[in-house]
Amino acid sequence: MLFDVSIACAIDRRTTVVRISGAVDISTRDAFVAAIECAAAFGGPIELDLNGVTFFSAAGMHCIEHADRLMACGGHPLRLVVRRTSPVMIVLDAVQPHRRWSIDAGPTGSRPAPTA
C-alpha cells in the first residue's frame, strides 16, 4: 500500500494544510503523526485534507485525535477535509467523534478565488 503526505502553509489564512493520500494504518501511523507534529510547529490552525486516503483504520483515528489534542493545547481549530464517500468518513460515521471537528468536502486551496 502506498502512502504520501505533504505539508503546505496557506498564507492567507495562516492555516497549515496537511494532505494525506494512500492507506492510513499502523504501518503509516508514525509518518502521519510526524506530519501533524511538524504542521503544529507552525503554531496556527491545521487543516487535514484526507480526500486522497484509500484505506483508513483505527490507527488513523488515533492520528486525528492526536492532532485534535495538539490544536486544543494551542487554542486552534482542527479542520478535516473529507469527501462524504471517503473511507475516512465511513469510519468517522461509525465512531461518531467528528462532531467536535469542522468537516468540509474540499480543501481550502481548491476553492475558486472570489471575483471582483
PDB file of N, CA and C in Angstrom:
ATOM      1  N   MET A   1       0.819  -1.175   0.000  1.00  0.00           N
ATOM      2  CA  MET A   1       0.000   0.000   0.000  1.00  0.00           C
ATOM      3  C   MET A   1       0.872   1.252   0.000  1.00  0.00           C
ATOM      4  N   LEU A   2       0.494   2.237  -0.793  1.00  0.00           N
ATOM      5  CA  LEU A   2       1.236   3.480  -0.888  1.00  0.00           C
ATOM      6  C   LEU A   2       0.710   4.491   0.117  1.00  0.00           C
ATOM      7  N   PHE A   3       1.599   5.339   0.555  1.00  0.00           N
ATOM      8  CA  PHE A   3       1.234   6.398   1.497  1.00  0.00           C
ATOM      9  C   PHE A   3       2.040   7.624   1.132  1.00  0.00           C
ATOM     10  N   ASP A   4       1.397   8.790   1.117  1.00  0.00           N
ATOM     11  CA  ASP A   4       2.100  10.020   0.809  1.00  0.00           C
ATOM     12  C   ASP A   4       1.544  11.121   1.697  1.00  0.00           C
ATOM     13  N   VAL A   5       2.416  12.017   2.093  1.00  0.00           N
ATOM     14  CA  VAL A   5       1.994  13.150   2.914  1.00  0.00           C
ATOM     15  C   VAL A   5       2.673  14.401   2.385  1.00  0.00           C
ATOM     16  N   SER A   6       1.950  15.500   2.369  1.00  0.00           N
ATOM     17  CA  SER A   6       2.552  16.781   2.030  1.00  0.00           C
ATOM     18  C   SER A   6       2.052  17.818   3.013  1.00  0.00           C
ATOM     19  N   ILE A   7       2.881  18.813   3.256  1.00  0.00           N
ATOM     20  CA  ILE A   7       2.538  19.881   4.187  1.00  0.00           C
ATOM     21  C   ILE A   7       2.711  21.196   3.439  1.00  0.00           C
ATOM     22  N   ALA A   8       1.693  22.037   3.485  1.00  0.00           N
ATOM     23  CA  ALA A   8       1.758  23.341   2.833  1.00  0.00           C
ATOM     24  C   ALA A   8       1.144  24.369   3.767  1.00  0.00           C
ATOM     25  N   CYS A   9       1.644  25.575   3.689  1.00  0.00           N
ATOM     26  CA  CYS A   9       1.117  26.643   4.518  1.00  0.00           C
ATOM     27  C   CYS A   9       0.285  27.574   3.647  1.00  0.00           C
ATOM     28  N   ALA A  10      -0.977  27.741   4.001  1.00  0.00           N
ATOM     29  CA  ALA A  10      -1.860  28.666   3.294  1.00  0.00           C
ATOM     30  C   ALA A  10      -1.692  30.030   3.948  1.00  0.00           C
ATOM     31  N   ILE A  11      -0.893  30.870   3.340  1.00  0.00           N
ATOM     32  CA  ILE A  11      -0.502  32.141   3.930  1.00  0.00           C
ATOM     33  C   ILE A  11      -1.706  33.037   4.239  1.00  0.00           C
ATOM     34  N   ASP A  12      -2.685  33.058   3.338  1.00  0.00           N
ATOM     35  CA  ASP A  12      -3.807  33.976   3.502  1.00  0.00           C
ATOM     36  C   ASP A  12      -4.578  33.739   4.792  1.00  0.00           C
ATOM     37  N   ARG A  13      -4.681  32.488   5.224  1.00  0.00           N
ATOM     38  CA  ARG A  13      -5.441  32.193   6.444  1.00  0.00           C
ATOM     39  C   ARG A  13      -4.543  31.694   7.560  1.00  0.00           C
ATOM     40  N   ARG A  14      -3.254  31.697   7.330  1.00  0.00           N
ATOM     41  CA  ARG A  14      -2.301  31.185   8.318  1.00  0.00           C
ATOM     42  C   ARG A  14      -2.641  29.769   8.744  1.00  0.00           C
ATOM     43  N   THR A  15      -3.160  29.009   7.825  1.00  0.00           N
ATOM     44  CA  THR A  15      -3.532  27.626   8.090  1.00  0.00           C
ATOM     45  C   THR A  15      -2.499  26.718   7.468  1.00  0.00           C
ATOM     46  N   THR A  16      -2.062  25.720   8.217  1.00  0.00           N
ATOM     47  CA  THR A  16      -1.155  24.723   7.672  1.00  0.00           C
ATOM     48  C   THR A  16      -1.986  23.549   7.180  1.00  0.00           C
ATOM     49  N   VAL A  17      -1.820  23.224   5.911  1.00  0.00           N
ATOM     50  CA  VAL A  17      -2.584  22.147   5.289  1.00  0.00           C
ATOM     51  C   VAL A  17      -1.706  20.905   5.213  1.00  0.00           C
ATOM     52  N   VAL A  18      -2.218  19.809   5.757  1.00  0.00           N
ATOM     53  CA  VAL A  18      -1.540  18.518   5.672  1.00  0.00           C
ATOM     54  C   VAL A  18      -2.395  17.637   4.771  1.00  0.00           C
ATOM     55  N   ARG A  19      -1.828  17.244   3.616  1.00  0.00           N
ATOM     56  CA  ARG A  19      -2.552  16.382   2.683  1.00  0.00           C
ATOM     57  C   ARG A  19      -2.025  14.959   2.813  1.00  0.00           C
ATOM     58  N   ILE A  20      -2.943  14.057   3.069  1.00  0.00           N
ATOM     59  CA  ILE A  20      -2.608  12.652   3.238  1.00  0.00           C
ATOM     60  C   ILE A  20      -3.250  11.862   2.107  1.00  0.00           C
ATOM     61  N   SER A  21      -2.495  10.960   1.510  1.00  0.00           N
ATOM     62  CA  SER A  21      -3.074  10.088   0.494  1.00  0.00           C
ATOM     63  C   SER A  21      -2.541   8.675   0.674  1.00  0.00           C
ATOM     64  N   GLY A  22      -3.340   7.718   0.224  1.00  0.00           N
ATOM     65  CA  GLY A  22      -2.971   6.317   0.352  1.00  0.00           C
ATOM     66  C   GLY A  22      -3.609   5.687   1.578  1.00  0.00           C
ATOM     67  N   ALA A  23      -3.022   4.591   2.002  1.00  0.00           N
ATOM     68  CA  ALA A  23      -3.561   3.829   3.125  1.00  0.00           C
ATOM     69  C   ALA A  23      -3.050   4.386   4.453  1.00  0.00           C
ATOM     70  N   VAL A  24      -3.971   4.595   5.381  1.00  0.00           N
ATOM     71  CA  VAL A  24      -3.605   5.025   6.729  1.00  0.00           C
ATOM     72  C   VAL A  24      -3.891   3.856   7.655  1.00  0.00           C
ATOM     73  N   ASP A  25      -2.809   3.246   8.138  1.00  0.00           N
ATOM     74  CA  ASP A  25      -2.924   2.100   9.031  1.00  0.00           C
ATOM     75  C   ASP A  25      -1.747   2.122   9.994  1.00  0.00           C
ATOM     76  N   ILE A  26      -1.547   1.048  10.696  1.00  0.00           N
ATOM     77  CA  ILE A  26      -0.489   1.002  11.710  1.00  0.00           C
ATOM     78  C   ILE A  26       0.904   1.209  11.090  1.00  0.00           C
ATOM     79  N   SER A  27       1.079   0.798   9.841  1.00  0.00           N
ATOM     80  CA  SER A  27       2.395   0.930   9.214  1.00  0.00           C
ATOM     81  C   SER A  27       2.691   2.355   8.758  1.00  0.00           C
ATOM     82  N   THR A  28       1.668   3.188   8.590  1.00  0.00           N
ATOM     83  CA  THR A  28       1.879   4.570   8.154  1.00  0.00           C
ATOM     84  C   THR A  28       1.576   5.589   9.260  1.00  0.00           C
ATOM     85  N   ARG A  29       1.153   5.098  10.393  1.00  0.00           N
ATOM     86  CA  ARG A  29       0.773   5.966  11.509  1.00  0.00           C
ATOM     87  C   ARG A  29       1.891   6.908  11.932  1.00  0.00           C
ATOM     88  N   ASP A  30       3.112   6.402  12.051  1.00  0.00           N
ATOM     89  CA  ASP A  30       4.218   7.245  12.515  1.00  0.00           C
ATOM     90  C   ASP A  30       4.484   8.407  11.565  1.00  0.00           C
ATOM     91  N   ALA A  31       4.394   8.171  10.264  1.00  0.00           N
ATOM     92  CA  ALA A  31       4.587   9.251   9.289  1.00  0.00           C
ATOM     93  C   ALA A  31       3.462  10.274   9.390  1.00  0.00           C
ATOM     94  N   PHE A  32       2.249   9.811   9.606  1.00  0.00           N
ATOM     95  CA  PHE A  32       1.093  10.698   9.760  1.00  0.00           C
ATOM     96  C   PHE A  32       1.284  11.575  11.002  1.00  0.00           C
ATOM     97  N   VAL A  33       1.645  10.967  12.118  1.00  0.00           N
ATOM     98  CA  VAL A  33       1.860  11.713  13.366  1.00  0.00           C
ATOM     99  C   VAL A  33       3.002  12.715  13.197  1.00  0.00           C
ATOM    100  N   ALA A  34       4.076  12.308  12.528  1.00  0.00           N
ATOM    101  CA  ALA A  34       5.207  13.222  12.311  1.00  0.00           C
ATOM    102  C   ALA A  34       4.767  14.429  11.489  1.00  0.00           C
ATOM    103  N   ALA A  35       3.925  14.210  10.487  1.00  0.00           N
ATOM    104  CA  ALA A  35       3.422  15.321   9.670  1.00  0.00           C
ATOM    105  C   ALA A  35       2.558  16.256  10.502  1.00  0.00           C
ATOM    106  N   ILE A  36       1.724  15.700  11.346  1.00  0.00           N
ATOM    107  CA  ILE A  36       0.861  16.512  12.210  1.00  0.00           C
ATOM    108  C   ILE A  36       1.715  17.349  13.165  1.00  0.00           C
ATOM    109  N   GLU A  37       2.713  16.730  13.759  1.00  0.00           N
ATOM    110  CA  GLU A  37       3.568  17.450  14.704  1.00  0.00           C
ATOM    111  C   GLU A  37       4.383  18.533  14.009  1.00  0.00           C
ATOM    112  N   CYS A  38       4.831  18.262  12.789  1.00  0.00           N
ATOM    113  CA  CYS A  38       5.554  19.265  12.007  1.00  0.00           C
ATOM    114  C   CYS A  38       4.626  20.438  11.701  1.00  0.00           C
ATOM    115  N   ALA A  39       3.407  20.154  11.283  1.00  0.00           N
ATOM    116  CA  ALA A  39       2.437  21.203  10.972  1.00  0.00           C
ATOM    117  C   ALA A  39       2.088  22.009  12.220  1.00  0.00           C
ATOM    118  N   ALA A  40       1.949  21.346  13.350  1.00  0.00           N
ATOM    119  CA  ALA A  40       1.610  22.034  14.600  1.00  0.00           C
ATOM    120  C   ALA A  40       2.716  22.989  15.018  1.00  0.00           C
ATOM    121  N   ALA A  41       3.941  22.700  14.625  1.00  0.00           N
ATOM    122  CA  ALA A  41       5.069  23.560  14.983  1.00  0.00           C
ATOM    123  C   ALA A  41       4.957  24.950  14.356  1.00  0.00           C
ATOM    124  N   PHE A  42       4.156  25.089  13.280  1.00  0.00           N
ATOM    125  CA  PHE A  42       3.949  26.408  12.673  1.00  0.00           C
ATOM    126  C   PHE A  42       3.118  27.312  13.571  1.00  0.00           C
ATOM    127  N   GLY A  43       2.395  26.715  14.515  1.00  0.00           N
ATOM    128  CA  GLY A  43       1.693  27.496  15.520  1.00  0.00           C
ATOM    129  C   GLY A  43       0.303  27.971  15.180  1.00  0.00           C
ATOM    130  N   GLY A  44      -0.249  27.591  14.072  1.00  0.00           N
ATOM    131  CA  GLY A  44      -1.595  28.022  13.706  1.00  0.00           C
ATOM    132  C   GLY A  44      -2.527  26.842  13.553  1.00  0.00           C
ATOM    133  N   PRO A  45      -3.702  27.107  13.010  1.00  0.00           N
ATOM    134  CA  PRO A  45      -4.660  26.030  12.791  1.00  0.00           C
ATOM    135  C   PRO A  45      -4.145  25.028  11.749  1.00  0.00           C
ATOM    136  N   ILE A  46      -4.625  23.807  11.850  1.00  0.00           N
ATOM    137  CA  ILE A  46      -4.280  22.749  10.892  1.00  0.00           C
ATOM    138  C   ILE A  46      -5.533  22.327  10.148  1.00  0.00           C
ATOM    139  N   GLU A  47      -5.340  22.119   8.853  1.00  0.00           N
ATOM    140  CA  GLU A  47      -6.374  21.534   8.013  1.00  0.00           C
ATOM    141  C   GLU A  47      -5.833  20.187   7.534  1.00  0.00           C
ATOM    142  N   LEU A  48      -6.512  19.096   7.883  1.00  0.00           N
ATOM    143  CA  LEU A  48      -6.122  17.767   7.416  1.00  0.00           C
ATOM    144  C   LEU A  48      -6.963  17.430   6.194  1.00  0.00           C
ATOM    145  N   ASP A  49      -6.324  17.415   5.024  1.00  0.00           N
ATOM    146  CA  ASP A  49      -7.001  17.054   3.781  1.00  0.00           C
ATOM    147  C   ASP A  49      -6.828  15.549   3.600  1.00  0.00           C
ATOM    148  N   LEU A  50      -7.917  14.826   3.839  1.00  0.00           N
ATOM    149  CA  LEU A  50      -7.885  13.365   3.809  1.00  0.00           C
ATOM    150  C   LEU A  50      -8.604  12.795   2.589  1.00  0.00           C
ATOM    151  N   ASN A  51      -8.844  13.621   1.579  1.00  0.00           N
ATOM    152  CA  ASN A  51      -9.572  13.164   0.400  1.00  0.00           C
ATOM    153  C   ASN A  51      -8.817  12.126  -0.417  1.00  0.00           C
ATOM    154  N   GLY A  52      -7.508  12.057  -0.277  1.00  0.00           N
ATOM    155  CA  GLY A  52      -6.721  11.078  -1.027  1.00  0.00           C
ATOM    156  C   GLY A  52      -6.539   9.748  -0.314  1.00  0.00           C
ATOM    157  N   VAL A  53      -7.146   9.597   0.846  1.00  0.00           N
ATOM    158  CA  VAL A  53      -6.988   8.357   1.632  1.00  0.00           C
ATOM    159  C   VAL A  53      -7.808   7.237   0.995  1.00  0.00           C
ATOM    160  N   THR A  54      -7.150   6.092   0.802  1.00  0.00           N
ATOM    161  CA  THR A  54      -7.809   4.937   0.179  1.00  0.00           C
ATOM    162  C   THR A  54      -8.201   3.860   1.179  1.00  0.00           C
ATOM    163  N   PHE A  55      -7.592   3.888   2.358  1.00  0.00           N
ATOM    164  CA  PHE A  55      -7.899   2.940   3.435  1.00  0.00           C
ATOM    165  C   PHE A  55      -7.664   3.674   4.739  1.00  0.00           C
ATOM    166  N   PHE A  56      -8.558   3.482   5.712  1.00  0.00           N
ATOM    167  CA  PHE A  56      -8.448   4.218   6.971  1.00  0.00           C
ATOM    168  C   PHE A  56      -8.791   3.293   8.117  1.00  0.00           C
ATOM    169  N   SER A  57      -7.817   3.044   8.982  1.00  0.00           N
ATOM    170  CA  SER A  57      -8.021   2.140  10.115  1.00  0.00           C
ATOM    171  C   SER A  57      -8.118   2.922  11.414  1.00  0.00           C
ATOM    172  N   ALA A  58      -8.241   2.197  12.498  1.00  0.00           N
ATOM    173  CA  ALA A  58      -8.287   2.817  13.831  1.00  0.00           C
ATOM    174  C   ALA A  58      -7.013   3.617  14.105  1.00  0.00           C
ATOM    175  N   ALA A  59      -5.903   3.209  13.529  1.00  0.00           N
ATOM    176  CA  ALA A  59      -4.655   3.966  13.700  1.00  0.00           C
ATOM    177  C   ALA A  59      -4.817   5.387  13.178  1.00  0.00           C
ATOM    178  N   GLY A  60      -5.581   5.551  12.109  1.00  0.00           N
ATOM    179  CA  GLY A  60      -5.850   6.876  11.569  1.00  0.00           C
ATOM    180  C   GLY A  60      -6.678   7.721  12.522  1.00  0.00           C
ATOM    181  N   MET A  61      -7.629   7.085  13.184  1.00  0.00           N
ATOM    182  CA  MET A  61      -8.430   7.806  14.178  1.00  0.00           C
ATOM    183  C   MET A  61      -7.542   8.320  15.307  1.00  0.00           C
ATOM    184  N   HIS A  62      -6.586   7.516  15.717  1.00  0.00           N
ATOM    185  CA  HIS A  62      -5.658   7.945  16.765  1.00  0.00           C
ATOM    186  C   HIS A  62      -4.852   9.153  16.298  1.00  0.00           C
ATOM    187  N   CYS A  63      -4.486   9.180  15.019  1.00  0.00           N
ATOM    188  CA  CYS A  63      -3.747  10.320  14.474  1.00  0.00           C
ATOM    189  C   CYS A  63      -4.595  11.590  14.513  1.00  0.00           C
ATOM    190  N   ILE A  64      -5.861  11.481  14.121  1.00  0.00           N
ATOM    191  CA  ILE A  64      -6.755  12.643  14.151  1.00  0.00           C
ATOM    192  C   ILE A  64      -6.951  13.114  15.591  1.00  0.00           C
ATOM    193  N   GLU A  65      -7.127  12.187  16.502  1.00  0.00           N
ATOM    194  CA  GLU A  65      -7.285  12.562  17.908  1.00  0.00           C
ATOM    195  C   GLU A  65      -6.029  13.241  18.444  1.00  0.00           C
ATOM    196  N   HIS A  66      -4.860  12.781  18.011  1.00  0.00           N
ATOM    197  CA  HIS A  66      -3.593  13.403  18.401  1.00  0.00           C
ATOM    198  C   HIS A  66      -3.544  14.844  17.877  1.00  0.00           C
ATOM    199  N   ALA A  67      -3.932  15.032  16.623  1.00  0.00           N
ATOM    200  CA  ALA A  67      -3.959  16.372  16.038  1.00  0.00           C
ATOM    201  C   ALA A  67      -4.928  17.270  16.805  1.00  0.00           C
ATOM    202  N   ASP A  68      -6.064  16.714  17.166  1.00  0.00           N
ATOM    203  CA  ASP A  68      -7.063  17.478  17.911  1.00  0.00           C
ATOM    204  C   ASP A  68      -6.498  17.936  19.255  1.00  0.00           C
ATOM    205  N   ARG A  69      -5.802  17.065  19.955  1.00  0.00           N
ATOM    206  CA  ARG A  69      -5.200  17.435  21.245  1.00  0.00           C
ATOM    207  C   ARG A  69      -4.140  18.528  21.065  1.00  0.00           C
ATOM    208  N   LEU A  70      -3.303  18.396  20.024  1.00  0.00           N
ATOM    209  CA  LEU A  70      -2.281  19.414  19.780  1.00  0.00           C
ATOM    210  C   LEU A  70      -2.917  20.766  19.488  1.00  0.00           C
ATOM    211  N   MET A  71      -3.957  20.763  18.695  1.00  0.00           N
ATOM    212  CA  MET A  71      -4.628  22.017  18.358  1.00  0.00           C
ATOM    213  C   MET A  71      -5.304  22.618  19.591  1.00  0.00           C
ATOM    214  N   ALA A  72      -5.922  21.780  20.409  1.00  0.00           N
ATOM    215  CA  ALA A  72      -6.584  22.270  21.620  1.00  0.00           C
ATOM    216  C   ALA A  72      -5.569  22.918  22.562  1.00  0.00           C
ATOM    217  N   CYS A  73      -4.388  22.343  22.674  1.00  0.00           N
ATOM    218  CA  CYS A  73      -3.346  22.919  23.541  1.00  0.00           C
ATOM    219  C   CYS A  73      -2.920  24.298  23.055  1.00  0.00           C
ATOM    220  N   GLY A  74      -2.927  24.498  21.740  1.00  0.00           N
ATOM    221  CA  GLY A  74      -2.527  25.784  21.184  1.00  0.00           C
ATOM    222  C   GLY A  74      -3.685  26.748  20.980  1.00  0.00           C
ATOM    223  N   GLY A  75      -4.900  26.291  21.298  1.00  0.00           N
ATOM    224  CA  GLY A  75      -6.065  27.145  21.129  1.00  0.00           C
ATOM    225  C   GLY A  75      -6.493  27.340  19.684  1.00  0.00           C
ATOM    226  N   HIS A  76      -6.172  26.368  18.837  1.00  0.00           N
ATOM    227  CA  HIS A  76      -6.506  26.471  17.418  1.00  0.00           C
ATOM    228  C   HIS A  76      -7.483  25.369  17.006  1.00  0.00           C
ATOM    229  N   PRO A  77      -8.250  25.630  15.965  1.00  0.00           N
ATOM    230  CA  PRO A  77      -9.182  24.605  15.495  1.00  0.00           C
ATOM    231  C   PRO A  77      -8.494  23.563  14.613  1.00  0.00           C
ATOM    232  N   LEU A  78      -9.076  22.393  14.581  1.00  0.00           N
ATOM    233  CA  LEU A  78      -8.671  21.341  13.647  1.00  0.00           C
ATOM    234  C   LEU A  78      -9.788  21.224  12.628  1.00  0.00           C
ATOM    235  N   ARG A  79      -9.430  21.294  11.368  1.00  0.00           N
ATOM    236  CA  ARG A  79     -10.414  21.185  10.294  1.00  0.00           C
ATOM    237  C   ARG A  79     -10.076  19.963   9.464  1.00  0.00           C
ATOM    238  N   LEU A  80     -11.072  19.109   9.236  1.00  0.00           N
ATOM    239  CA  LEU A  80     -10.897  17.930   8.399  1.00  0.00           C
ATOM    240  C   LEU A  80     -11.528  18.187   7.041  1.00  0.00           C
ATOM    241  N   VAL A  81     -10.837  17.778   5.997  1.00  0.00           N
ATOM    242  CA  VAL A  81     -11.368  17.864   4.641  1.00  0.00           C
ATOM    243  C   VAL A  81     -11.556  16.435   4.165  1.00  0.00           C
ATOM    244  N   VAL A  82     -12.826  16.032   4.063  1.00  0.00           N
ATOM    245  CA  VAL A  82     -13.155  14.632   3.777  1.00  0.00           C
ATOM    246  C   VAL A  82     -14.394  14.573   2.892  1.00  0.00           C
ATOM    247  N   ARG A  83     -14.287  13.874   1.774  1.00  0.00           N
ATOM    248  CA  ARG A  83     -15.467  13.639   0.938  1.00  0.00           C
ATOM    249  C   ARG A  83     -16.442  12.723   1.662  1.00  0.00           C
ATOM    250  N   ARG A  84     -17.689  12.893   1.416  1.00  0.00           N
ATOM    251  CA  ARG A  84     -18.736  12.068   2.041  1.00  0.00           C
ATOM    252  C   ARG A  84     -18.537  10.578   1.756  1.00  0.00           C
ATOM    253  N   THR A  85     -18.001  10.232   0.599  1.00  0.00           N
ATOM    254  CA  THR A  85     -17.828   8.829   0.211  1.00  0.00           C
ATOM    255  C   THR A  85     -16.453   8.268   0.562  1.00  0.00           C
ATOM    256  N   SER A  86     -15.652   9.036   1.255  1.00  0.00           N
ATOM    257  CA  SER A  86     -14.295   8.630   1.607  1.00  0.00           C
ATOM    258  C   SER A  86     -14.290   7.511   2.649  1.00  0.00           C
ATOM    259  N   PRO A  87     -13.279   6.631   2.597  1.00  0.00           N
ATOM    260  CA  PRO A  87     -13.121   5.628   3.660  1.00  0.00           C
ATOM    261  C   PRO A  87     -12.995   6.280   5.043  1.00  0.00           C
ATOM    262  N   VAL A  88     -12.442   7.486   5.084  1.00  0.00           N
ATOM    263  CA  VAL A  88     -12.305   8.200   6.356  1.00  0.00           C
ATOM    264  C   VAL A  88     -13.687   8.527   6.921  1.00  0.00           C
ATOM    265  N   MET A  89     -14.578   9.026   6.077  1.00  0.00           N
ATOM    266  CA  MET A  89     -15.911   9.397   6.545  1.00  0.00           C
ATOM    267  C   MET A  89     -16.700   8.180   6.993  1.00  0.00           C
ATOM    268  N   ILE A  90     -16.481   7.059   6.360  1.00  0.00           N
ATOM    269  CA  ILE A  90     -17.159   5.824   6.784  1.00  0.00           C
ATOM    270  C   ILE A  90     -16.772   5.496   8.227  1.00  0.00           C
ATOM    271  N   VAL A  91     -15.476   5.629   8.545  1.00  0.00           N
ATOM    272  CA  VAL A  91     -15.020   5.365   9.913  1.00  0.00           C
ATOM    273  C   VAL A  91     -15.542   6.449  10.857  1.00  0.00           C
ATOM    274  N   LEU A  92     -15.463   7.710  10.443  1.00  0.00           N
ATOM    275  CA  LEU A  92     -15.964   8.791  11.300  1.00  0.00           C
ATOM    276  C   LEU A  92     -17.445   8.610  11.605  1.00  0.00           C
ATOM    277  N   ASP A  93     -18.214   8.239  10.601  1.00  0.00           N
ATOM    278  CA  ASP A  93     -19.642   7.994  10.829  1.00  0.00           C
ATOM    279  C   ASP A  93     -19.866   6.840  11.806  1.00  0.00           C
ATOM    280  N   ALA A  94     -19.013   5.834  11.742  1.00  0.00           N
ATOM    281  CA  ALA A  94     -19.169   4.662  12.605  1.00  0.00           C
ATOM    282  C   ALA A  94     -18.853   4.973  14.064  1.00  0.00           C
ATOM    283  N   VAL A  95     -17.862   5.820  14.293  1.00  0.00           N
ATOM    284  CA  VAL A  95     -17.450   6.079  15.674  1.00  0.00           C
ATOM    285  C   VAL A  95     -17.968   7.403  16.233  1.00  0.00           C
ATOM    286  N   GLN A  96     -18.501   8.254  15.396  1.00  0.00           N
ATOM    287  CA  GLN A  96     -19.176   9.493  15.790  1.00  0.00           C
ATOM    288  C   GLN A  96     -18.372  10.516  16.590  1.00  0.00           C
ATOM    289  N   PRO A  97     -17.052  10.564  16.544  1.00  0.00           N
ATOM    290  CA  PRO A  97     -16.379  11.596  17.325  1.00  0.00           C
ATOM    291  C   PRO A  97     -16.264  12.921  16.577  1.00  0.00           C
ATOM    292  N   HIS A  98     -16.530  12.883  15.281  1.00  0.00           N
ATOM    293  CA  HIS A  98     -16.238  14.026  14.423  1.00  0.00           C
ATOM    294  C   HIS A  98     -17.127  15.235  14.674  1.00  0.00           C
ATOM    295  N   ARG A  99     -18.085  15.135  15.520  1.00  0.00           N
ATOM    296  CA  ARG A  99     -18.949  16.281  15.793  1.00  0.00           C
ATOM    297  C   ARG A  99     -18.157  17.453  16.366  1.00  0.00           C
ATOM    298  N   ARG A 100     -17.012  17.201  16.953  1.00  0.00           N
ATOM    299  CA  ARG A 100     -16.233  18.299  17.532  1.00  0.00           C
ATOM    300  C   ARG A 100     -15.263  18.918  16.527  1.00  0.00           C
ATOM    301  N   TRP A 101     -15.171  18.338  15.333  1.00  0.00           N
ATOM    302  CA  TRP A 101     -14.259  18.858  14.318  1.00  0.00           C
ATOM    303  C   TRP A 101     -15.044  19.476  13.188  1.00  0.00           C
ATOM    304  N   SER A 102     -14.467  20.489  12.587  1.00  0.00           N
ATOM    305  CA  SER A 102     -15.048  21.069  11.387  1.00  0.00           C
ATOM    306  C   SER A 102     -14.710  20.151  10.221  1.00  0.00           C
ATOM    307  N   ILE A 103     -15.725  19.744   9.469  1.00  0.00           N
ATOM    308  CA  ILE A 103     -15.514  18.842   8.337  1.00  0.00           C
ATOM    309  C   ILE A 103     -16.044  19.507   7.083  1.00  0.00           C
ATOM    310  N   ASP A 104     -15.225  19.471   6.029  1.00  0.00           N
ATOM    311  CA  ASP A 104     -15.583  20.054   4.747  1.00  0.00           C
ATOM    312  C   ASP A 104     -15.230  19.055   3.661  1.00  0.00           C
ATOM    313  N   ALA A 105     -15.863  19.172   2.502  1.00  0.00           N
ATOM    314  CA  ALA A 105     -15.623  18.235   1.414  1.00  0.00           C
ATOM    315  C   ALA A 105     -14.431  18.620   0.549  1.00  0.00           C
ATOM    316  N   GLY A 106     -13.969  19.856   0.606  1.00  0.00           N
ATOM    317  CA  GLY A 106     -12.876  20.280  -0.261  1.00  0.00           C
ATOM    318  C   GLY A 106     -11.846  21.093   0.481  1.00  0.00           C
ATOM    319  N   PRO A 107     -10.574  20.993   0.078  1.00  0.00           N
ATOM    320  CA  PRO A 107      -9.518  21.746   0.746  1.00  0.00           C
ATOM    321  C   PRO A 107      -9.620  23.230   0.460  1.00  0.00           C
ATOM    322  N   THR A 108      -9.095  24.019   1.360  1.00  0.00           N
ATOM    323  CA  THR A 108      -9.101  25.469   1.227  1.00  0.00           C
ATOM    324  C   THR A 108      -8.496  25.897  -0.101  1.00  0.00           C
ATOM    325  N   GLY A 109      -7.380  25.297  -0.450  1.00  0.00           N
ATOM    326  CA  GLY A 109      -6.669  25.672  -1.667  1.00  0.00           C
ATOM    327  C   GLY A 109      -7.429  25.363  -2.948  1.00  0.00           C
ATOM    328  N   SER A 110      -8.471  24.534  -2.898  1.00  0.00           N
ATOM    329  CA  SER A 110      -9.164  24.163  -4.117  1.00  0.00           C
ATOM    330  C   SER A 110     -10.370  25.043  -4.400  1.00  0.00           C
ATOM    331  N   ARG A 111     -10.702  25.909  -3.461  1.00  0.00           N
ATOM    332  CA  ARG A 111     -11.855  26.784  -3.672  1.00  0.00           C
ATOM    333  C   ARG A 111     -11.506  27.862  -4.687  1.00  0.00           C
ATOM    334  N   PRO A 112     -12.434  28.210  -5.558  1.00  0.00           N
ATOM    335  CA  PRO A 112     -12.158  29.272  -6.516  1.00  0.00           C
ATOM    336  C   PRO A 112     -11.965  30.611  -5.808  1.00  0.00           C
ATOM    337  N   ALA A 113     -11.108  31.409  -6.360  1.00  0.00           N
ATOM    338  CA  ALA A 113     -10.881  32.737  -5.791  1.00  0.00           C
ATOM    339  C   ALA A 113     -12.084  33.612  -6.058  1.00  0.00           C
ATOM    340  N   PRO A 114     -12.424  34.499  -5.132  1.00  0.00           N
ATOM    341  CA  PRO A 114     -13.546  35.394  -5.367  1.00  0.00           C
ATOM    342  C   PRO A 114     -13.270  36.304  -6.557  1.00  0.00           C
ATOM    343  N   THR A 115     -14.303  36.619  -7.307  1.00  0.00           N
ATOM    344  CA  THR A 115     -14.126  37.501  -8.463  1.00  0.00           C
ATOM    345  C   THR A 115     -14.601  38.901  -8.087  1.00  0.00           C
ATOM    346  N   ALA A 116     -13.965  39.872  -8.674  1.00  0.00           N
ATOM    347  CA  ALA A 116     -14.303  41.270  -8.369  1.00  0.00           C
ATOM    348  C   ALA A 116     -15.436  41.764  -9.224  1.00  0.00           C
TER     349      ALA A 116
END
